[in-house]
Amino acid sequence: MKKKRKAQSILEYIIVLSAIIVAVIAAAKGVVTNSVNKMFSDSAGVIETQSTNFLDNAASGGNSASAGGGE
């Protein structure tokens, strides 16, 4: 009888641990999703700014030094 109770106890711990793991993954998913979305949004903003600067410089006939050519 004692062995059956021990197996039941282990099963209960596994079920509780599984529930905790699912809760942690669900909570982390929201944080990770928001972080990734912010990262892509920030990257898109930088790309847009740089491409606008490049196009404005090209339209005004700018030289290579101000466009990042460096010499």
C-alpha atoms as a PDB file:
ATOM      1  CA  MET A   1       0.000   0.000   0.000  1.00  0.00           C
ATOM      2  CA  LYS A   2       2.859   2.383   0.784  1.00  0.00           C
ATOM      3  CA  LYS A   3       4.358   1.946  -2.703  1.00  0.00           C
ATOM      4  CA  LYS A   4       1.049   2.935  -4.337  1.00  0.00           C
ATOM      5  CA  ARG A   5       0.871   6.090  -2.211  1.00  0.00           C
ATOM      6  CA  LYS A   6       4.452   7.010  -3.172  1.00  0.00           C
ATOM      7  CA  ALA A   7       3.666   6.619  -6.885  1.00  0.00           C
ATOM      8  CA  GLN A   8       0.557   8.746  -6.436  1.00  0.00           C
ATOM      9  CA  SER A   9       2.591  11.404  -4.634  1.00  0.00           C
ATOM     10  CA  ILE A  10       5.193  11.480  -7.409  1.00  0.00           C
ATOM     11  CA  LEU A  11       2.432  11.812 -10.013  1.00  0.00           C
ATOM     12  CA  GLU A  12       0.913  14.720  -8.101  1.00  0.00           C
ATOM     13  CA  TYR A  13       4.282  16.491  -8.037  1.00  0.00           C
ATOM     14  CA  ILE A  14       4.688  15.939 -11.788  1.00  0.00           C
ATOM     15  CA  ILE A  15       1.229  17.393 -12.479  1.00  0.00           C
ATOM     16  CA  VAL A  16       1.876  20.468 -10.303  1.00  0.00           C
ATOM     17  CA  LEU A  17       5.321  20.990 -11.844  1.00  0.00           C
ATOM     18  CA  SER A  18       3.834  20.718 -15.345  1.00  0.00           C
ATOM     19  CA  ALA A  19       1.207  23.328 -14.494  1.00  0.00           C
ATOM     20  CA  ILE A  20       3.879  25.677 -13.167  1.00  0.00           C
ATOM     21  CA  ILE A  21       6.009  25.213 -16.291  1.00  0.00           C
ATOM     22  CA  VAL A  22       3.018  25.940 -18.557  1.00  0.00           C
ATOM     23  CA  ALA A  23       2.234  29.094 -16.553  1.00  0.00           C
ATOM     24  CA  VAL A  24       5.842  30.316 -16.773  1.00  0.00           C
ATOM     25  CA  ILE A  25       5.974  29.684 -20.524  1.00  0.00           C
ATOM     26  CA  ALA A  26       2.659  31.495 -21.044  1.00  0.00           C
ATOM     27  CA  ALA A  27       3.852  34.493 -19.019  1.00  0.00           C
ATOM     28  CA  ALA A  28       7.234  34.599 -20.772  1.00  0.00           C
ATOM     29  CA  LYS A  29       5.603  34.381 -24.201  1.00  0.00           C
ATOM     30  CA  GLY A  30       3.979  37.784 -23.726  1.00  0.00           C
ATOM     31  CA  VAL A  31       7.216  39.407 -22.581  1.00  0.00           C
ATOM     32  CA  VAL A  32       9.264  37.862 -25.381  1.00  0.00           C
ATOM     33  CA  THR A  33       6.659  38.739 -28.021  1.00  0.00           C
ATOM     34  CA  ASN A  34       6.584  42.379 -26.900  1.00  0.00           C
ATOM     35  CA  SER A  35      10.399  42.566 -26.869  1.00  0.00           C
ATOM     36  CA  VAL A  36      10.718  41.088 -30.352  1.00  0.00           C
ATOM     37  CA  ASN A  37       8.015  43.387 -31.737  1.00  0.00           C
ATOM     38  CA  LYS A  38       9.762  46.424 -30.225  1.00  0.00           C
ATOM     39  CA  MET A  39      13.107  45.306 -31.661  1.00  0.00           C
ATOM     40  CA  PHE A  40      11.660  44.973 -35.182  1.00  0.00           C
ATOM     41  CA  SER A  41       9.826  48.282 -34.851  1.00  0.00           C
ATOM     42  CA  ASP A  42      13.015  50.063 -33.754  1.00  0.00           C
ATOM     43  CA  SER A  43      14.959  48.455 -36.592  1.00  0.00           C
ATOM     44  CA  ALA A  44      12.340  49.516 -39.120  1.00  0.00           C
ATOM     45  CA  GLY A  45      12.535  53.084 -37.814  1.00  0.00           C
ATOM     46  CA  VAL A  46      16.319  53.171 -38.192  1.00  0.00           C
ATOM     47  CA  ILE A  47      16.147  51.719 -41.707  1.00  0.00           C
ATOM     48  CA  GLU A  48      13.476  54.240 -42.702  1.00  0.00           C
ATOM     49  CA  THR A  49      15.491  57.170 -41.318  1.00  0.00           C
ATOM     50  CA  GLN A  50      18.695  56.070 -43.013  1.00  0.00           C
ATOM     51  CA  SER A  51      17.028  55.414 -46.352  1.00  0.00           C
ATOM     52  CA  THR A  52      15.292  58.802 -46.218  1.00  0.00           C
ATOM     53  CA  ASN A  53      18.616  60.500 -45.460  1.00  0.00           C
ATOM     54  CA  PHE A  54      20.277  58.603 -48.305  1.00  0.00           C
ATOM     55  CA  LEU A  55      17.542  59.505 -50.797  1.00  0.00           C
ATOM     56  CA  ASP A  56      17.528  63.161 -49.716  1.00  0.00           C
ATOM     57  CA  ASN A  57      21.301  63.296 -50.094  1.00  0.00           C
ATOM     58  CA  ALA A  58      21.178  61.615 -53.500  1.00  0.00           C
ATOM     59  CA  ALA A  59      18.432  63.979 -54.705  1.00  0.00           C
ATOM     60  CA  SER A  60      20.422  67.036 -53.639  1.00  0.00           C
ATOM     61  CA  GLY A  61      23.575  65.797 -55.402  1.00  0.00           C
ATOM     62  CA  GLY A  62      25.493  65.339 -52.144  1.00  0.00           C
ATOM     63  CA  ASN A  63      29.102  64.234 -52.045  1.00  0.00           C
ATOM     64  CA  SER A  64      30.328  60.849 -50.828  1.00  0.00           C
ATOM     65  CA  ALA A  65      31.810  62.224 -47.565  1.00  0.00           C
ATOM     66  CA  SER A  66      28.434  63.276 -46.175  1.00  0.00           C
ATOM     67  CA  ALA A  67      26.824  60.039 -47.342  1.00  0.00           C
ATOM     68  CA  GLY A  68      29.241  57.975 -45.290  1.00  0.00           C
ATOM     69  CA  GLY A  69      31.955  57.527 -47.944  1.00  0.00           C
ATOM     70  CA  GLY A  70      34.488  58.912 -45.502  1.00  0.00           C
ATOM     71  CA  GLU A  71      37.360  60.292 -47.528  1.00  0.00           C
END
